[in-house]
PDBML (XML) file of the C-alpha atoms, coordinates in Angstrom:
<?xml version="1.0" encoding="UTF-8" ?>
<PDBx:datablock datablockName="MODEL"
   xmlns:PDBx="http://pdbml.pdb.org/schema/pdbx-v50.xsd"
   xmlns:xsi="http://www.w3.org/2001/XMLSchema-instance"
   xsi:schemaLocation="http://pdbml.pdb.org/schema/pdbx-v50.xsd pdbx-v50.xsd">
   <PDBx:atom_siteCategory>
      <PDBx:atom_site id="1">
         <PDBx:B_iso_or_equiv>0.00</PDBx:B_iso_or_equiv>
         <PDBx:Cartn_x>-7.862</PDBx:Cartn_x>
         <PDBx:Cartn_y>-23.306</PDBx:Cartn_y>
         <PDBx:Cartn_z>7.513</PDBx:Cartn_z>
         <PDBx:auth_asym_id>A</PDBx:auth_asym_id>
         <PDBx:auth_atom_id>CA</PDBx:auth_atom_id>
         <PDBx:auth_comp_id>HIS</PDBx:auth_comp_id>
         <PDBx:auth_seq_id>1</PDBx:auth_seq_id>
         <PDBx:group_PDB>ATOM</PDBx:group_PDB>
         <PDBx:label_alt_id xsi:nil="true" />
         <PDBx:label_asym_id>A</PDBx:label_asym_id>
         <PDBx:label_atom_id>CA</PDBx:label_atom_id>
         <PDBx:label_comp_id>HIS</PDBx:label_comp_id>
         <PDBx:label_entity_id>1</PDBx:label_entity_id>
         <PDBx:label_seq_id>1</PDBx:label_seq_id>
         <PDBx:occupancy>1.00</PDBx:occupancy>
         <PDBx:pdbx_PDB_model_num>1</PDBx:pdbx_PDB_model_num>
         <PDBx:type_symbol>C</PDBx:type_symbol>
      </PDBx:atom_site>
      <PDBx:atom_site id="2">
         <PDBx:B_iso_or_equiv>0.00</PDBx:B_iso_or_equiv>
         <PDBx:Cartn_x>-6.182</PDBx:Cartn_x>
         <PDBx:Cartn_y>-19.922</PDBx:Cartn_y>
         <PDBx:Cartn_z>7.902</PDBx:Cartn_z>
         <PDBx:auth_asym_id>A</PDBx:auth_asym_id>
         <PDBx:auth_atom_id>CA</PDBx:auth_atom_id>
         <PDBx:auth_comp_id>LEU</PDBx:auth_comp_id>
         <PDBx:auth_seq_id>2</PDBx:auth_seq_id>
         <PDBx:group_PDB>ATOM</PDBx:group_PDB>
         <PDBx:label_alt_id xsi:nil="true" />
         <PDBx:label_asym_id>A</PDBx:label_asym_id>
         <PDBx:label_atom_id>CA</PDBx:label_atom_id>
         <PDBx:label_comp_id>LEU</PDBx:label_comp_id>
         <PDBx:label_entity_id>1</PDBx:label_entity_id>
         <PDBx:label_seq_id>2</PDBx:label_seq_id>
         <PDBx:occupancy>1.00</PDBx:occupancy>
         <PDBx:pdbx_PDB_model_num>1</PDBx:pdbx_PDB_model_num>
         <PDBx:type_symbol>C</PDBx:type_symbol>
      </PDBx:atom_site>
      <PDBx:atom_site id="3">
         <PDBx:B_iso_or_equiv>0.00</PDBx:B_iso_or_equiv>
         <PDBx:Cartn_x>-6.821</PDBx:Cartn_x>
         <PDBx:Cartn_y>-16.579</PDBx:Cartn_y>
         <PDBx:Cartn_z>9.583</PDBx:Cartn_z>
         <PDBx:auth_asym_id>A</PDBx:auth_asym_id>
         <PDBx:auth_atom_id>CA</PDBx:auth_atom_id>
         <PDBx:auth_comp_id>PRO</PDBx:auth_comp_id>
         <PDBx:auth_seq_id>3</PDBx:auth_seq_id>
         <PDBx:group_PDB>ATOM</PDBx:group_PDB>
         <PDBx:label_alt_id xsi:nil="true" />
         <PDBx:label_asym_id>A</PDBx:label_asym_id>
         <PDBx:label_atom_id>CA</PDBx:label_atom_id>
         <PDBx:label_comp_id>PRO</PDBx:label_comp_id>
         <PDBx:label_entity_id>1</PDBx:label_entity_id>
         <PDBx:label_seq_id>3</PDBx:label_seq_id>
         <PDBx:occupancy>1.00</PDBx:occupancy>
         <PDBx:pdbx_PDB_model_num>1</PDBx:pdbx_PDB_model_num>
         <PDBx:type_symbol>C</PDBx:type_symbol>
      </PDBx:atom_site>
      <PDBx:atom_site id="4">
         <PDBx:B_iso_or_equiv>0.00</PDBx:B_iso_or_equiv>
         <PDBx:Cartn_x>-8.435</PDBx:Cartn_x>
         <PDBx:Cartn_y>-13.954</PDBx:Cartn_y>
         <PDBx:Cartn_z>7.308</PDBx:Cartn_z>
         <PDBx:auth_asym_id>A</PDBx:auth_asym_id>
         <PDBx:auth_atom_id>CA</PDBx:auth_atom_id>
         <PDBx:auth_comp_id>ILE</PDBx:auth_comp_id>
         <PDBx:auth_seq_id>4</PDBx:auth_seq_id>
         <PDBx:group_PDB>ATOM</PDBx:group_PDB>
         <PDBx:label_alt_id xsi:nil="true" />
         <PDBx:label_asym_id>A</PDBx:label_asym_id>
         <PDBx:label_atom_id>CA</PDBx:label_atom_id>
         <PDBx:label_comp_id>ILE</PDBx:label_comp_id>
         <PDBx:label_entity_id>1</PDBx:label_entity_id>
         <PDBx:label_seq_id>4</PDBx:label_seq_id>
         <PDBx:occupancy>1.00</PDBx:occupancy>
         <PDBx:pdbx_PDB_model_num>1</PDBx:pdbx_PDB_model_num>
         <PDBx:type_symbol>C</PDBx:type_symbol>
      </PDBx:atom_site>
      <PDBx:atom_site id="5">
         <PDBx:B_iso_or_equiv>0.00</PDBx:B_iso_or_equiv>
         <PDBx:Cartn_x>-5.385</PDBx:Cartn_x>
         <PDBx:Cartn_y>-11.681</PDBx:Cartn_y>
         <PDBx:Cartn_z>7.634</PDBx:Cartn_z>
         <PDBx:auth_asym_id>A</PDBx:auth_asym_id>
         <PDBx:auth_atom_id>CA</PDBx:auth_atom_id>
         <PDBx:auth_comp_id>SER</PDBx:auth_comp_id>
         <PDBx:auth_seq_id>5</PDBx:auth_seq_id>
         <PDBx:group_PDB>ATOM</PDBx:group_PDB>
         <PDBx:label_alt_id xsi:nil="true" />
         <PDBx:label_asym_id>A</PDBx:label_asym_id>
         <PDBx:label_atom_id>CA</PDBx:label_atom_id>
         <PDBx:label_comp_id>SER</PDBx:label_comp_id>
         <PDBx:label_entity_id>1</PDBx:label_entity_id>
         <PDBx:label_seq_id>5</PDBx:label_seq_id>
         <PDBx:occupancy>1.00</PDBx:occupancy>
         <PDBx:pdbx_PDB_model_num>1</PDBx:pdbx_PDB_model_num>
         <PDBx:type_symbol>C</PDBx:type_symbol>
      </PDBx:atom_site>
      <PDBx:atom_site id="6">
         <PDBx:B_iso_or_equiv>0.00</PDBx:B_iso_or_equiv>
         <PDBx:Cartn_x>-3.100</PDBx:Cartn_x>
         <PDBx:Cartn_y>-14.262</PDBx:Cartn_y>
         <PDBx:Cartn_z>6.026</PDBx:Cartn_z>
         <PDBx:auth_asym_id>A</PDBx:auth_asym_id>
         <PDBx:auth_atom_id>CA</PDBx:auth_atom_id>
         <PDBx:auth_comp_id>LEU</PDBx:auth_comp_id>
         <PDBx:auth_seq_id>6</PDBx:auth_seq_id>
         <PDBx:group_PDB>ATOM</PDBx:group_PDB>
         <PDBx:label_alt_id xsi:nil="true" />
         <PDBx:label_asym_id>A</PDBx:label_asym_id>
         <PDBx:label_atom_id>CA</PDBx:label_atom_id>
         <PDBx:label_comp_id>LEU</PDBx:label_comp_id>
         <PDBx:label_entity_id>1</PDBx:label_entity_id>
         <PDBx:label_seq_id>6</PDBx:label_seq_id>
         <PDBx:occupancy>1.00</PDBx:occupancy>
         <PDBx:pdbx_PDB_model_num>1</PDBx:pdbx_PDB_model_num>
         <PDBx:type_symbol>C</PDBx:type_symbol>
      </PDBx:atom_site>
      <PDBx:atom_site id="7">
         <PDBx:B_iso_or_equiv>0.00</PDBx:B_iso_or_equiv>
         <PDBx:Cartn_x>-5.621</PDBx:Cartn_x>
         <PDBx:Cartn_y>-15.101</PDBx:Cartn_y>
         <PDBx:Cartn_z>3.229</PDBx:Cartn_z>
         <PDBx:auth_asym_id>A</PDBx:auth_asym_id>
         <PDBx:auth_atom_id>CA</PDBx:auth_atom_id>
         <PDBx:auth_comp_id>VAL</PDBx:auth_comp_id>
         <PDBx:auth_seq_id>7</PDBx:auth_seq_id>
         <PDBx:group_PDB>ATOM</PDBx:group_PDB>
         <PDBx:label_alt_id xsi:nil="true" />
         <PDBx:label_asym_id>A</PDBx:label_asym_id>
         <PDBx:label_atom_id>CA</PDBx:label_atom_id>
         <PDBx:label_comp_id>VAL</PDBx:label_comp_id>
         <PDBx:label_entity_id>1</PDBx:label_entity_id>
         <PDBx:label_seq_id>7</PDBx:label_seq_id>
         <PDBx:occupancy>1.00</PDBx:occupancy>
         <PDBx:pdbx_PDB_model_num>1</PDBx:pdbx_PDB_model_num>
         <PDBx:type_symbol>C</PDBx:type_symbol>
      </PDBx:atom_site>
      <PDBx:atom_site id="8">
         <PDBx:B_iso_or_equiv>0.00</PDBx:B_iso_or_equiv>
         <PDBx:Cartn_x>-5.882</PDBx:Cartn_x>
         <PDBx:Cartn_y>-11.343</PDBx:Cartn_y>
         <PDBx:Cartn_z>2.536</PDBx:Cartn_z>
         <PDBx:auth_asym_id>A</PDBx:auth_asym_id>
         <PDBx:auth_atom_id>CA</PDBx:auth_atom_id>
         <PDBx:auth_comp_id>ALA</PDBx:auth_comp_id>
         <PDBx:auth_seq_id>8</PDBx:auth_seq_id>
         <PDBx:group_PDB>ATOM</PDBx:group_PDB>
         <PDBx:label_alt_id xsi:nil="true" />
         <PDBx:label_asym_id>A</PDBx:label_asym_id>
         <PDBx:label_atom_id>CA</PDBx:label_atom_id>
         <PDBx:label_comp_id>ALA</PDBx:label_comp_id>
         <PDBx:label_entity_id>1</PDBx:label_entity_id>
         <PDBx:label_seq_id>8</PDBx:label_seq_id>
         <PDBx:occupancy>1.00</PDBx:occupancy>
         <PDBx:pdbx_PDB_model_num>1</PDBx:pdbx_PDB_model_num>
         <PDBx:type_symbol>C</PDBx:type_symbol>
      </PDBx:atom_site>
      <PDBx:atom_site id="9">
         <PDBx:B_iso_or_equiv>0.00</PDBx:B_iso_or_equiv>
         <PDBx:Cartn_x>-2.148</PDBx:Cartn_x>
         <PDBx:Cartn_y>-11.011</PDBx:Cartn_y>
         <PDBx:Cartn_z>2.357</PDBx:Cartn_z>
         <PDBx:auth_asym_id>A</PDBx:auth_asym_id>
         <PDBx:auth_atom_id>CA</PDBx:auth_atom_id>
         <PDBx:auth_comp_id>ALA</PDBx:auth_comp_id>
         <PDBx:auth_seq_id>9</PDBx:auth_seq_id>
         <PDBx:group_PDB>ATOM</PDBx:group_PDB>
         <PDBx:label_alt_id xsi:nil="true" />
         <PDBx:label_asym_id>A</PDBx:label_asym_id>
         <PDBx:label_atom_id>CA</PDBx:label_atom_id>
         <PDBx:label_comp_id>ALA</PDBx:label_comp_id>
         <PDBx:label_entity_id>1</PDBx:label_entity_id>
         <PDBx:label_seq_id>9</PDBx:label_seq_id>
         <PDBx:occupancy>1.00</PDBx:occupancy>
         <PDBx:pdbx_PDB_model_num>1</PDBx:pdbx_PDB_model_num>
         <PDBx:type_symbol>C</PDBx:type_symbol>
      </PDBx:atom_site>
      <PDBx:atom_site id="10">
         <PDBx:B_iso_or_equiv>0.00</PDBx:B_iso_or_equiv>
         <PDBx:Cartn_x>-1.717</PDBx:Cartn_x>
         <PDBx:Cartn_y>-13.834</PDBx:Cartn_y>
         <PDBx:Cartn_z>-0.176</PDBx:Cartn_z>
         <PDBx:auth_asym_id>A</PDBx:auth_asym_id>
         <PDBx:auth_atom_id>CA</PDBx:auth_atom_id>
         <PDBx:auth_comp_id>ILE</PDBx:auth_comp_id>
         <PDBx:auth_seq_id>10</PDBx:auth_seq_id>
         <PDBx:group_PDB>ATOM</PDBx:group_PDB>
         <PDBx:label_alt_id xsi:nil="true" />
         <PDBx:label_asym_id>A</PDBx:label_asym_id>
         <PDBx:label_atom_id>CA</PDBx:label_atom_id>
         <PDBx:label_comp_id>ILE</PDBx:label_comp_id>
         <PDBx:label_entity_id>1</PDBx:label_entity_id>
         <PDBx:label_seq_id>10</PDBx:label_seq_id>
         <PDBx:occupancy>1.00</PDBx:occupancy>
         <PDBx:pdbx_PDB_model_num>1</PDBx:pdbx_PDB_model_num>
         <PDBx:type_symbol>C</PDBx:type_symbol>
      </PDBx:atom_site>
      <PDBx:atom_site id="11">
         <PDBx:B_iso_or_equiv>0.00</PDBx:B_iso_or_equiv>
         <PDBx:Cartn_x>-4.700</PDBx:Cartn_x>
         <PDBx:Cartn_y>-12.505</PDBx:Cartn_y>
         <PDBx:Cartn_z>-2.171</PDBx:Cartn_z>
         <PDBx:auth_asym_id>A</PDBx:auth_asym_id>
         <PDBx:auth_atom_id>CA</PDBx:auth_atom_id>
         <PDBx:auth_comp_id>GLU</PDBx:auth_comp_id>
         <PDBx:auth_seq_id>11</PDBx:auth_seq_id>
         <PDBx:group_PDB>ATOM</PDBx:group_PDB>
         <PDBx:label_alt_id xsi:nil="true" />
         <PDBx:label_asym_id>A</PDBx:label_asym_id>
         <PDBx:label_atom_id>CA</PDBx:label_atom_id>
         <PDBx:label_comp_id>GLU</PDBx:label_comp_id>
         <PDBx:label_entity_id>1</PDBx:label_entity_id>
         <PDBx:label_seq_id>11</PDBx:label_seq_id>
         <PDBx:occupancy>1.00</PDBx:occupancy>
         <PDBx:pdbx_PDB_model_num>1</PDBx:pdbx_PDB_model_num>
         <PDBx:type_symbol>C</PDBx:type_symbol>
      </PDBx:atom_site>
      <PDBx:atom_site id="12">
         <PDBx:B_iso_or_equiv>0.00</PDBx:B_iso_or_equiv>
         <PDBx:Cartn_x>-3.011</PDBx:Cartn_x>
         <PDBx:Cartn_y>-9.094</PDBx:Cartn_y>
         <PDBx:Cartn_z>-2.432</PDBx:Cartn_z>
         <PDBx:auth_asym_id>A</PDBx:auth_asym_id>
         <PDBx:auth_atom_id>CA</PDBx:auth_atom_id>
         <PDBx:auth_comp_id>PHE</PDBx:auth_comp_id>
         <PDBx:auth_seq_id>12</PDBx:auth_seq_id>
         <PDBx:group_PDB>ATOM</PDBx:group_PDB>
         <PDBx:label_alt_id xsi:nil="true" />
         <PDBx:label_asym_id>A</PDBx:label_asym_id>
         <PDBx:label_atom_id>CA</PDBx:label_atom_id>
         <PDBx:label_comp_id>PHE</PDBx:label_comp_id>
         <PDBx:label_entity_id>1</PDBx:label_entity_id>
         <PDBx:label_seq_id>12</PDBx:label_seq_id>
         <PDBx:occupancy>1.00</PDBx:occupancy>
         <PDBx:pdbx_PDB_model_num>1</PDBx:pdbx_PDB_model_num>
         <PDBx:type_symbol>C</PDBx:type_symbol>
      </PDBx:atom_site>
      <PDBx:atom_site id="13">
         <PDBx:B_iso_or_equiv>0.00</PDBx:B_iso_or_equiv>
         <PDBx:Cartn_x>0.366</PDBx:Cartn_x>
         <PDBx:Cartn_y>-10.531</PDBx:Cartn_y>
         <PDBx:Cartn_z>-3.667</PDBx:Cartn_z>
         <PDBx:auth_asym_id>A</PDBx:auth_asym_id>
         <PDBx:auth_atom_id>CA</PDBx:auth_atom_id>
         <PDBx:auth_comp_id>VAL</PDBx:auth_comp_id>
         <PDBx:auth_seq_id>13</PDBx:auth_seq_id>
         <PDBx:group_PDB>ATOM</PDBx:group_PDB>
         <PDBx:label_alt_id xsi:nil="true" />
         <PDBx:label_asym_id>A</PDBx:label_asym_id>
         <PDBx:label_atom_id>CA</PDBx:label_atom_id>
         <PDBx:label_comp_id>VAL</PDBx:label_comp_id>
         <PDBx:label_entity_id>1</PDBx:label_entity_id>
         <PDBx:label_seq_id>13</PDBx:label_seq_id>
         <PDBx:occupancy>1.00</PDBx:occupancy>
         <PDBx:pdbx_PDB_model_num>1</PDBx:pdbx_PDB_model_num>
         <PDBx:type_symbol>C</PDBx:type_symbol>
      </PDBx:atom_site>
      <PDBx:atom_site id="14">
         <PDBx:B_iso_or_equiv>0.00</PDBx:B_iso_or_equiv>
         <PDBx:Cartn_x>-0.825</PDBx:Cartn_x>
         <PDBx:Cartn_y>-11.430</PDBx:Cartn_y>
         <PDBx:Cartn_z>-7.079</PDBx:Cartn_z>
         <PDBx:auth_asym_id>A</PDBx:auth_asym_id>
         <PDBx:auth_atom_id>CA</PDBx:auth_atom_id>
         <PDBx:auth_comp_id>GLY</PDBx:auth_comp_id>
         <PDBx:auth_seq_id>14</PDBx:auth_seq_id>
         <PDBx:group_PDB>ATOM</PDBx:group_PDB>
         <PDBx:label_alt_id xsi:nil="true" />
         <PDBx:label_asym_id>A</PDBx:label_asym_id>
         <PDBx:label_atom_id>CA</PDBx:label_atom_id>
         <PDBx:label_comp_id>GLY</PDBx:label_comp_id>
         <PDBx:label_entity_id>1</PDBx:label_entity_id>
         <PDBx:label_seq_id>14</PDBx:label_seq_id>
         <PDBx:occupancy>1.00</PDBx:occupancy>
         <PDBx:pdbx_PDB_model_num>1</PDBx:pdbx_PDB_model_num>
         <PDBx:type_symbol>C</PDBx:type_symbol>
      </PDBx:atom_site>
      <PDBx:atom_site id="15">
         <PDBx:B_iso_or_equiv>0.00</PDBx:B_iso_or_equiv>
         <PDBx:Cartn_x>-2.151</PDBx:Cartn_x>
         <PDBx:Cartn_y>-7.965</PDBx:Cartn_y>
         <PDBx:Cartn_z>-7.875</PDBx:Cartn_z>
         <PDBx:auth_asym_id>A</PDBx:auth_asym_id>
         <PDBx:auth_atom_id>CA</PDBx:auth_atom_id>
         <PDBx:auth_comp_id>THR</PDBx:auth_comp_id>
         <PDBx:auth_seq_id>15</PDBx:auth_seq_id>
         <PDBx:group_PDB>ATOM</PDBx:group_PDB>
         <PDBx:label_alt_id xsi:nil="true" />
         <PDBx:label_asym_id>A</PDBx:label_asym_id>
         <PDBx:label_atom_id>CA</PDBx:label_atom_id>
         <PDBx:label_comp_id>THR</PDBx:label_comp_id>
         <PDBx:label_entity_id>1</PDBx:label_entity_id>
         <PDBx:label_seq_id>15</PDBx:label_seq_id>
         <PDBx:occupancy>1.00</PDBx:occupancy>
         <PDBx:pdbx_PDB_model_num>1</PDBx:pdbx_PDB_model_num>
         <PDBx:type_symbol>C</PDBx:type_symbol>
      </PDBx:atom_site>
      <PDBx:atom_site id="16">
         <PDBx:B_iso_or_equiv>0.00</PDBx:B_iso_or_equiv>
         <PDBx:Cartn_x>1.260</PDBx:Cartn_x>
         <PDBx:Cartn_y>-6.403</PDBx:Cartn_y>
         <PDBx:Cartn_z>-7.228</PDBx:Cartn_z>
         <PDBx:auth_asym_id>A</PDBx:auth_asym_id>
         <PDBx:auth_atom_id>CA</PDBx:auth_atom_id>
         <PDBx:auth_comp_id>ILE</PDBx:auth_comp_id>
         <PDBx:auth_seq_id>16</PDBx:auth_seq_id>
         <PDBx:group_PDB>ATOM</PDBx:group_PDB>
         <PDBx:label_alt_id xsi:nil="true" />
         <PDBx:label_asym_id>A</PDBx:label_asym_id>
         <PDBx:label_atom_id>CA</PDBx:label_atom_id>
         <PDBx:label_comp_id>ILE</PDBx:label_comp_id>
         <PDBx:label_entity_id>1</PDBx:label_entity_id>
         <PDBx:label_seq_id>16</PDBx:label_seq_id>
         <PDBx:occupancy>1.00</PDBx:occupancy>
         <PDBx:pdbx_PDB_model_num>1</PDBx:pdbx_PDB_model_num>
         <PDBx:type_symbol>C</PDBx:type_symbol>
      </PDBx:atom_site>
      <PDBx:atom_site id="17">
         <PDBx:B_iso_or_equiv>0.00</PDBx:B_iso_or_equiv>
         <PDBx:Cartn_x>2.352</PDBx:Cartn_x>
         <PDBx:Cartn_y>-7.720</PDBx:Cartn_y>
         <PDBx:Cartn_z>-10.631</PDBx:Cartn_z>
         <PDBx:auth_asym_id>A</PDBx:auth_asym_id>
         <PDBx:auth_atom_id>CA</PDBx:auth_atom_id>
         <PDBx:auth_comp_id>GLY</PDBx:auth_comp_id>
         <PDBx:auth_seq_id>17</PDBx:auth_seq_id>
         <PDBx:group_PDB>ATOM</PDBx:group_PDB>
         <PDBx:label_alt_id xsi:nil="true" />
         <PDBx:label_asym_id>A</PDBx:label_asym_id>
         <PDBx:label_atom_id>CA</PDBx:label_atom_id>
         <PDBx:label_comp_id>GLY</PDBx:label_comp_id>
         <PDBx:label_entity_id>1</PDBx:label_entity_id>
         <PDBx:label_seq_id>17</PDBx:label_seq_id>
         <PDBx:occupancy>1.00</PDBx:occupancy>
         <PDBx:pdbx_PDB_model_num>1</PDBx:pdbx_PDB_model_num>
         <PDBx:type_symbol>C</PDBx:type_symbol>
      </PDBx:atom_site>
      <PDBx:atom_site id="18">
         <PDBx:B_iso_or_equiv>0.00</PDBx:B_iso_or_equiv>
         <PDBx:Cartn_x>-0.603</PDBx:Cartn_x>
         <PDBx:Cartn_y>-5.993</PDBx:Cartn_y>
         <PDBx:Cartn_z>-12.345</PDBx:Cartn_z>
         <PDBx:auth_asym_id>A</PDBx:auth_asym_id>
         <PDBx:auth_atom_id>CA</PDBx:auth_atom_id>
         <PDBx:auth_comp_id>LEU</PDBx:auth_comp_id>
         <PDBx:auth_seq_id>18</PDBx:auth_seq_id>
         <PDBx:group_PDB>ATOM</PDBx:group_PDB>
         <PDBx:label_alt_id xsi:nil="true" />
         <PDBx:label_asym_id>A</PDBx:label_asym_id>
         <PDBx:label_atom_id>CA</PDBx:label_atom_id>
         <PDBx:label_comp_id>LEU</PDBx:label_comp_id>
         <PDBx:label_entity_id>1</PDBx:label_entity_id>
         <PDBx:label_seq_id>18</PDBx:label_seq_id>
         <PDBx:occupancy>1.00</PDBx:occupancy>
         <PDBx:pdbx_PDB_model_num>1</PDBx:pdbx_PDB_model_num>
         <PDBx:type_symbol>C</PDBx:type_symbol>
      </PDBx:atom_site>
      <PDBx:atom_site id="19">
         <PDBx:B_iso_or_equiv>0.00</PDBx:B_iso_or_equiv>
         <PDBx:Cartn_x>0.192</PDBx:Cartn_x>
         <PDBx:Cartn_y>-2.716</PDBx:Cartn_y>
         <PDBx:Cartn_z>-10.617</PDBx:Cartn_z>
         <PDBx:auth_asym_id>A</PDBx:auth_asym_id>
         <PDBx:auth_atom_id>CA</PDBx:auth_atom_id>
         <PDBx:auth_comp_id>ALA</PDBx:auth_comp_id>
         <PDBx:auth_seq_id>19</PDBx:auth_seq_id>
         <PDBx:group_PDB>ATOM</PDBx:group_PDB>
         <PDBx:label_alt_id xsi:nil="true" />
         <PDBx:label_asym_id>A</PDBx:label_asym_id>
         <PDBx:label_atom_id>CA</PDBx:label_atom_id>
         <PDBx:label_comp_id>ALA</PDBx:label_comp_id>
         <PDBx:label_entity_id>1</PDBx:label_entity_id>
         <PDBx:label_seq_id>19</PDBx:label_seq_id>
         <PDBx:occupancy>1.00</PDBx:occupancy>
         <PDBx:pdbx_PDB_model_num>1</PDBx:pdbx_PDB_model_num>
         <PDBx:type_symbol>C</PDBx:type_symbol>
      </PDBx:atom_site>
      <PDBx:atom_site id="20">
         <PDBx:B_iso_or_equiv>0.00</PDBx:B_iso_or_equiv>
         <PDBx:Cartn_x>3.907</PDBx:Cartn_x>
         <PDBx:Cartn_y>-2.934</PDBx:Cartn_y>
         <PDBx:Cartn_z>-11.345</PDBx:Cartn_z>
         <PDBx:auth_asym_id>A</PDBx:auth_asym_id>
         <PDBx:auth_atom_id>CA</PDBx:auth_atom_id>
         <PDBx:auth_comp_id>LEU</PDBx:auth_comp_id>
         <PDBx:auth_seq_id>20</PDBx:auth_seq_id>
         <PDBx:group_PDB>ATOM</PDBx:group_PDB>
         <PDBx:label_alt_id xsi:nil="true" />
         <PDBx:label_asym_id>A</PDBx:label_asym_id>
         <PDBx:label_atom_id>CA</PDBx:label_atom_id>
         <PDBx:label_comp_id>LEU</PDBx:label_comp_id>
         <PDBx:label_entity_id>1</PDBx:label_entity_id>
         <PDBx:label_seq_id>20</PDBx:label_seq_id>
         <PDBx:occupancy>1.00</PDBx:occupancy>
         <PDBx:pdbx_PDB_model_num>1</PDBx:pdbx_PDB_model_num>
         <PDBx:type_symbol>C</PDBx:type_symbol>
      </PDBx:atom_site>
      <PDBx:atom_site id="21">
         <PDBx:B_iso_or_equiv>0.00</PDBx:B_iso_or_equiv>
         <PDBx:Cartn_x>3.197</PDBx:Cartn_x>
         <PDBx:Cartn_y>-3.590</PDBx:Cartn_y>
         <PDBx:Cartn_z>-15.040</PDBx:Cartn_z>
         <PDBx:auth_asym_id>A</PDBx:auth_asym_id>
         <PDBx:auth_atom_id>CA</PDBx:auth_atom_id>
         <PDBx:auth_comp_id>TYR</PDBx:auth_comp_id>
         <PDBx:auth_seq_id>21</PDBx:auth_seq_id>
         <PDBx:group_PDB>ATOM</PDBx:group_PDB>
         <PDBx:label_alt_id xsi:nil="true" />
         <PDBx:label_asym_id>A</PDBx:label_asym_id>
         <PDBx:label_atom_id>CA</PDBx:label_atom_id>
         <PDBx:label_comp_id>TYR</PDBx:label_comp_id>
         <PDBx:label_entity_id>1</PDBx:label_entity_id>
         <PDBx:label_seq_id>21</PDBx:label_seq_id>
         <PDBx:occupancy>1.00</PDBx:occupancy>
         <PDBx:pdbx_PDB_model_num>1</PDBx:pdbx_PDB_model_num>
         <PDBx:type_symbol>C</PDBx:type_symbol>
      </PDBx:atom_site>
      <PDBx:atom_site id="22">
         <PDBx:B_iso_or_equiv>0.00</PDBx:B_iso_or_equiv>
         <PDBx:Cartn_x>1.390</PDBx:Cartn_x>
         <PDBx:Cartn_y>-0.255</PDBx:Cartn_y>
         <PDBx:Cartn_z>-15.183</PDBx:Cartn_z>
         <PDBx:auth_asym_id>A</PDBx:auth_asym_id>
         <PDBx:auth_atom_id>CA</PDBx:auth_atom_id>
         <PDBx:auth_comp_id>GLY</PDBx:auth_comp_id>
         <PDBx:auth_seq_id>22</PDBx:auth_seq_id>
         <PDBx:group_PDB>ATOM</PDBx:group_PDB>
         <PDBx:label_alt_id xsi:nil="true" />
         <PDBx:label_asym_id>A</PDBx:label_asym_id>
         <PDBx:label_atom_id>CA</PDBx:label_atom_id>
         <PDBx:label_comp_id>GLY</PDBx:label_comp_id>
         <PDBx:label_entity_id>1</PDBx:label_entity_id>
         <PDBx:label_seq_id>22</PDBx:label_seq_id>
         <PDBx:occupancy>1.00</PDBx:occupancy>
         <PDBx:pdbx_PDB_model_num>1</PDBx:pdbx_PDB_model_num>
         <PDBx:type_symbol>C</PDBx:type_symbol>
      </PDBx:atom_site>
      <PDBx:atom_site id="23">
         <PDBx:B_iso_or_equiv>0.00</PDBx:B_iso_or_equiv>
         <PDBx:Cartn_x>4.027</PDBx:Cartn_x>
         <PDBx:Cartn_y>1.889</PDBx:Cartn_y>
         <PDBx:Cartn_z>-13.620</PDBx:Cartn_z>
         <PDBx:auth_asym_id>A</PDBx:auth_asym_id>
         <PDBx:auth_atom_id>CA</PDBx:auth_atom_id>
         <PDBx:auth_comp_id>VAL</PDBx:auth_comp_id>
         <PDBx:auth_seq_id>23</PDBx:auth_seq_id>
         <PDBx:group_PDB>ATOM</PDBx:group_PDB>
         <PDBx:label_alt_id xsi:nil="true" />
         <PDBx:label_asym_id>A</PDBx:label_asym_id>
         <PDBx:label_atom_id>CA</PDBx:label_atom_id>
         <PDBx:label_comp_id>VAL</PDBx:label_comp_id>
         <PDBx:label_entity_id>1</PDBx:label_entity_id>
         <PDBx:label_seq_id>23</PDBx:label_seq_id>
         <PDBx:occupancy>1.00</PDBx:occupancy>
         <PDBx:pdbx_PDB_model_num>1</PDBx:pdbx_PDB_model_num>
         <PDBx:type_symbol>C</PDBx:type_symbol>
      </PDBx:atom_site>
      <PDBx:atom_site id="24">
         <PDBx:B_iso_or_equiv>0.00</PDBx:B_iso_or_equiv>
         <PDBx:Cartn_x>4.954</PDBx:Cartn_x>
         <PDBx:Cartn_y>4.343</PDBx:Cartn_y>
         <PDBx:Cartn_z>-16.389</PDBx:Cartn_z>
         <PDBx:auth_asym_id>A</PDBx:auth_asym_id>
         <PDBx:auth_atom_id>CA</PDBx:auth_atom_id>
         <PDBx:auth_comp_id>ARG</PDBx:auth_comp_id>
         <PDBx:auth_seq_id>24</PDBx:auth_seq_id>
         <PDBx:group_PDB>ATOM</PDBx:group_PDB>
         <PDBx:label_alt_id xsi:nil="true" />
         <PDBx:label_asym_id>A</PDBx:label_asym_id>
         <PDBx:label_atom_id>CA</PDBx:label_atom_id>
         <PDBx:label_comp_id>ARG</PDBx:label_comp_id>
         <PDBx:label_entity_id>1</PDBx:label_entity_id>
         <PDBx:label_seq_id>24</PDBx:label_seq_id>
         <PDBx:occupancy>1.00</PDBx:occupancy>
         <PDBx:pdbx_PDB_model_num>1</PDBx:pdbx_PDB_model_num>
         <PDBx:type_symbol>C</PDBx:type_symbol>
      </PDBx:atom_site>
      <PDBx:atom_site id="25">
         <PDBx:B_iso_or_equiv>0.00</PDBx:B_iso_or_equiv>
         <PDBx:Cartn_x>6.187</PDBx:Cartn_x>
         <PDBx:Cartn_y>7.388</PDBx:Cartn_y>
         <PDBx:Cartn_z>-14.553</PDBx:Cartn_z>
         <PDBx:auth_asym_id>A</PDBx:auth_asym_id>
         <PDBx:auth_atom_id>CA</PDBx:auth_atom_id>
         <PDBx:auth_comp_id>SER</PDBx:auth_comp_id>
         <PDBx:auth_seq_id>25</PDBx:auth_seq_id>
         <PDBx:group_PDB>ATOM</PDBx:group_PDB>
         <PDBx:label_alt_id xsi:nil="true" />
         <PDBx:label_asym_id>A</PDBx:label_asym_id>
         <PDBx:label_atom_id>CA</PDBx:label_atom_id>
         <PDBx:label_comp_id>SER</PDBx:label_comp_id>
         <PDBx:label_entity_id>1</PDBx:label_entity_id>
         <PDBx:label_seq_id>25</PDBx:label_seq_id>
         <PDBx:occupancy>1.00</PDBx:occupancy>
         <PDBx:pdbx_PDB_model_num>1</PDBx:pdbx_PDB_model_num>
         <PDBx:type_symbol>C</PDBx:type_symbol>
      </PDBx:atom_site>
   </PDBx:atom_siteCategory>
</PDBx:datablock>
């Protein structure tokens, strides 16, 4: 349904939370 760039963008959004959780310094 969608271009691969948009699907990739949405796929990346969820992982931001995992990375933010691990910011310790």
